[in-house]
């Protein structure tokens, strides 16, 4: 049985809100949650590597999310990492 600490009334309100959302609103919410998750996970890595350059933080994130093989393939381009991701 899954752990659920959400009160049944709160769960009912959540589902009602989700049902009332348009597809565009749902997609926007998913995009915002994904962006927030990426930002928070990179921040957590950054805190464990306080003196590392941003490119090293992003390489570590790539390794954790996509695997070591991809991180190794991307590593030669590390000097380019973090340029566009500053907004995240």
C-alpha atoms as a PDB file:
ATOM      1  CA  UNK A   1       0.000   0.000   0.000  1.00  0.00           C
ATOM      2  CA  UNK A   2       1.465   3.398  -0.968  1.00  0.00           C
ATOM      3  CA  UNK A   3       2.177   5.975   1.697  1.00  0.00           C
ATOM      4  CA  UNK A   4      -0.160   8.955   1.381  1.00  0.00           C
ATOM      5  CA  UNK A   5      -0.236  11.762   3.918  1.00  0.00           C
ATOM      6  CA  UNK A   6      -2.669  13.893   1.916  1.00  0.00           C
ATOM      7  CA  UNK A   7      -6.032  14.438   3.582  1.00  0.00           C
ATOM      8  CA  UNK A   8      -8.872  12.945   1.485  1.00  0.00           C
ATOM      9  CA  UNK A   9     -10.561  16.350   1.123  1.00  0.00           C
ATOM     10  CA  UNK A  10      -7.316  17.935  -0.084  1.00  0.00           C
ATOM     11  CA  UNK A  11      -6.889  15.051  -2.545  1.00  0.00           C
ATOM     12  CA  UNK A  12     -10.445  15.629  -3.817  1.00  0.00           C
ATOM     13  CA  UNK A  13      -9.691  19.335  -4.382  1.00  0.00           C
ATOM     14  CA  UNK A  14      -6.419  18.467  -6.168  1.00  0.00           C
ATOM     15  CA  UNK A  15      -8.153  16.066  -8.543  1.00  0.00           C
ATOM     16  CA  UNK A  16     -10.981  18.507  -9.189  1.00  0.00           C
ATOM     17  CA  UNK A  17      -8.443  21.201 -10.086  1.00  0.00           C
ATOM     18  CA  UNK A  18      -6.526  18.847 -12.372  1.00  0.00           C
ATOM     19  CA  UNK A  19      -9.739  17.793 -14.124  1.00  0.00           C
ATOM     20  CA  UNK A  20     -10.676  21.432 -14.715  1.00  0.00           C
ATOM     21  CA  UNK A  21      -7.325  22.307 -16.327  1.00  0.00           C
ATOM     22  CA  UNK A  22      -6.956  22.549 -20.085  1.00  0.00           C
ATOM     23  CA  UNK A  23      -4.371  20.409 -21.842  1.00  0.00           C
ATOM     24  CA  UNK A  24      -2.218  23.518 -22.269  1.00  0.00           C
ATOM     25  CA  UNK A  25      -2.369  24.247 -18.542  1.00  0.00           C
ATOM     26  CA  UNK A  26      -1.407  20.653 -17.748  1.00  0.00           C
ATOM     27  CA  UNK A  27       1.531  20.801 -20.144  1.00  0.00           C
ATOM     28  CA  UNK A  28       2.647  24.119 -18.657  1.00  0.00           C
ATOM     29  CA  UNK A  29       2.442  22.675 -15.140  1.00  0.00           C
ATOM     30  CA  UNK A  30       4.513  19.647 -16.188  1.00  0.00           C
ATOM     31  CA  UNK A  31       7.093  21.918 -17.794  1.00  0.00           C
ATOM     32  CA  UNK A  32       7.318  24.075 -14.668  1.00  0.00           C
ATOM     33  CA  UNK A  33       7.658  21.027 -12.397  1.00  0.00           C
ATOM     34  CA  UNK A  34      10.351  19.568 -14.647  1.00  0.00           C
ATOM     35  CA  UNK A  35      12.280  22.848 -14.697  1.00  0.00           C
ATOM     36  CA  UNK A  36      12.018  23.162 -10.924  1.00  0.00           C
ATOM     37  CA  UNK A  37      13.193  19.574 -10.404  1.00  0.00           C
ATOM     38  CA  UNK A  38      16.193  20.138 -12.666  1.00  0.00           C
ATOM     39  CA  UNK A  39      17.075  23.393 -10.901  1.00  0.00           C
ATOM     40  CA  UNK A  40      16.774  21.857  -7.434  1.00  0.00           C
ATOM     41  CA  UNK A  41      18.780  18.756  -8.334  1.00  0.00           C
ATOM     42  CA  UNK A  42      21.572  20.868  -9.822  1.00  0.00           C
ATOM     43  CA  UNK A  43      21.542  23.079  -6.741  1.00  0.00           C
ATOM     44  CA  UNK A  44      21.912  20.014  -4.516  1.00  0.00           C
ATOM     45  CA  UNK A  45      24.902  18.874  -6.567  1.00  0.00           C
ATOM     46  CA  UNK A  46      26.358  22.399  -6.511  1.00  0.00           C
ATOM     47  CA  UNK A  47      26.200  22.352  -2.693  1.00  0.00           C
ATOM     48  CA  UNK A  48      28.275  19.147  -2.615  1.00  0.00           C
ATOM     49  CA  UNK A  49      30.809  20.688  -5.019  1.00  0.00           C
ATOM     50  CA  UNK A  50      31.110  24.285  -3.722  1.00  0.00           C
ATOM     51  CA  UNK A  51      34.362  25.151  -5.523  1.00  0.00           C
ATOM     52  CA  UNK A  52      33.647  23.344  -8.780  1.00  0.00           C
ATOM     53  CA  UNK A  53      32.968  25.228 -12.000  1.00  0.00           C
ATOM     54  CA  UNK A  54      29.412  25.127 -13.322  1.00  0.00           C
ATOM     55  CA  UNK A  55      30.477  22.784 -16.114  1.00  0.00           C
ATOM     56  CA  UNK A  56      31.602  20.179 -13.545  1.00  0.00           C
ATOM     57  CA  UNK A  57      28.281  20.459 -11.734  1.00  0.00           C
ATOM     58  CA  UNK A  58      26.395  19.926 -14.988  1.00  0.00           C
ATOM     59  CA  UNK A  59      28.599  16.973 -15.947  1.00  0.00           C
ATOM     60  CA  UNK A  60      27.876  15.370 -12.573  1.00  0.00           C
ATOM     61  CA  UNK A  61      24.155  16.007 -13.091  1.00  0.00           C
ATOM     62  CA  UNK A  62      24.323  14.393 -16.540  1.00  0.00           C
ATOM     63  CA  UNK A  63      26.070  11.395 -15.018  1.00  0.00           C
ATOM     64  CA  UNK A  64      23.434  10.988 -12.315  1.00  0.00           C
ATOM     65  CA  UNK A  65      20.439  11.502 -14.596  1.00  0.00           C
ATOM     66  CA  UNK A  66      21.567   9.966 -17.886  1.00  0.00           C
ATOM     67  CA  UNK A  67      24.469   7.734 -16.882  1.00  0.00           C
ATOM     68  CA  UNK A  68      28.231   7.730 -16.847  1.00  0.00           C
ATOM     69  CA  UNK A  69      28.533   6.770 -20.521  1.00  0.00           C
ATOM     70  CA  UNK A  70      26.840   9.963 -21.701  1.00  0.00           C
ATOM     71  CA  UNK A  71      28.752  12.092 -19.192  1.00  0.00           C
ATOM     72  CA  UNK A  72      32.027  10.692 -20.552  1.00  0.00           C
ATOM     73  CA  UNK A  73      30.918  11.446 -24.119  1.00  0.00           C
ATOM     74  CA  UNK A  74      29.922  15.014 -23.202  1.00  0.00           C
ATOM     75  CA  UNK A  75      33.005  15.743 -21.063  1.00  0.00           C
ATOM     76  CA  UNK A  76      35.187  16.908 -24.006  1.00  0.00           C
ATOM     77  CA  UNK A  77      32.671  19.713 -24.530  1.00  0.00           C
ATOM     78  CA  UNK A  78      32.527  20.714 -20.850  1.00  0.00           C
ATOM     79  CA  UNK A  79      33.756  24.223 -21.605  1.00  0.00           C
ATOM     80  CA  UNK A  80      30.448  24.797 -23.412  1.00  0.00           C
ATOM     81  CA  UNK A  81      28.255  23.493 -20.591  1.00  0.00           C
ATOM     82  CA  UNK A  82      26.367  25.950 -18.449  1.00  0.00           C
ATOM     83  CA  UNK A  83      26.221  28.695 -21.042  1.00  0.00           C
ATOM     84  CA  UNK A  84      22.497  28.328 -21.786  1.00  0.00           C
ATOM     85  CA  UNK A  85      21.559  26.496 -18.586  1.00  0.00           C
ATOM     86  CA  UNK A  86      22.138  29.598 -16.438  1.00  0.00           C
ATOM     87  CA  UNK A  87      18.390  30.280 -16.647  1.00  0.00           C
ATOM     88  CA  UNK A  88      17.638  26.976 -14.926  1.00  0.00           C
END
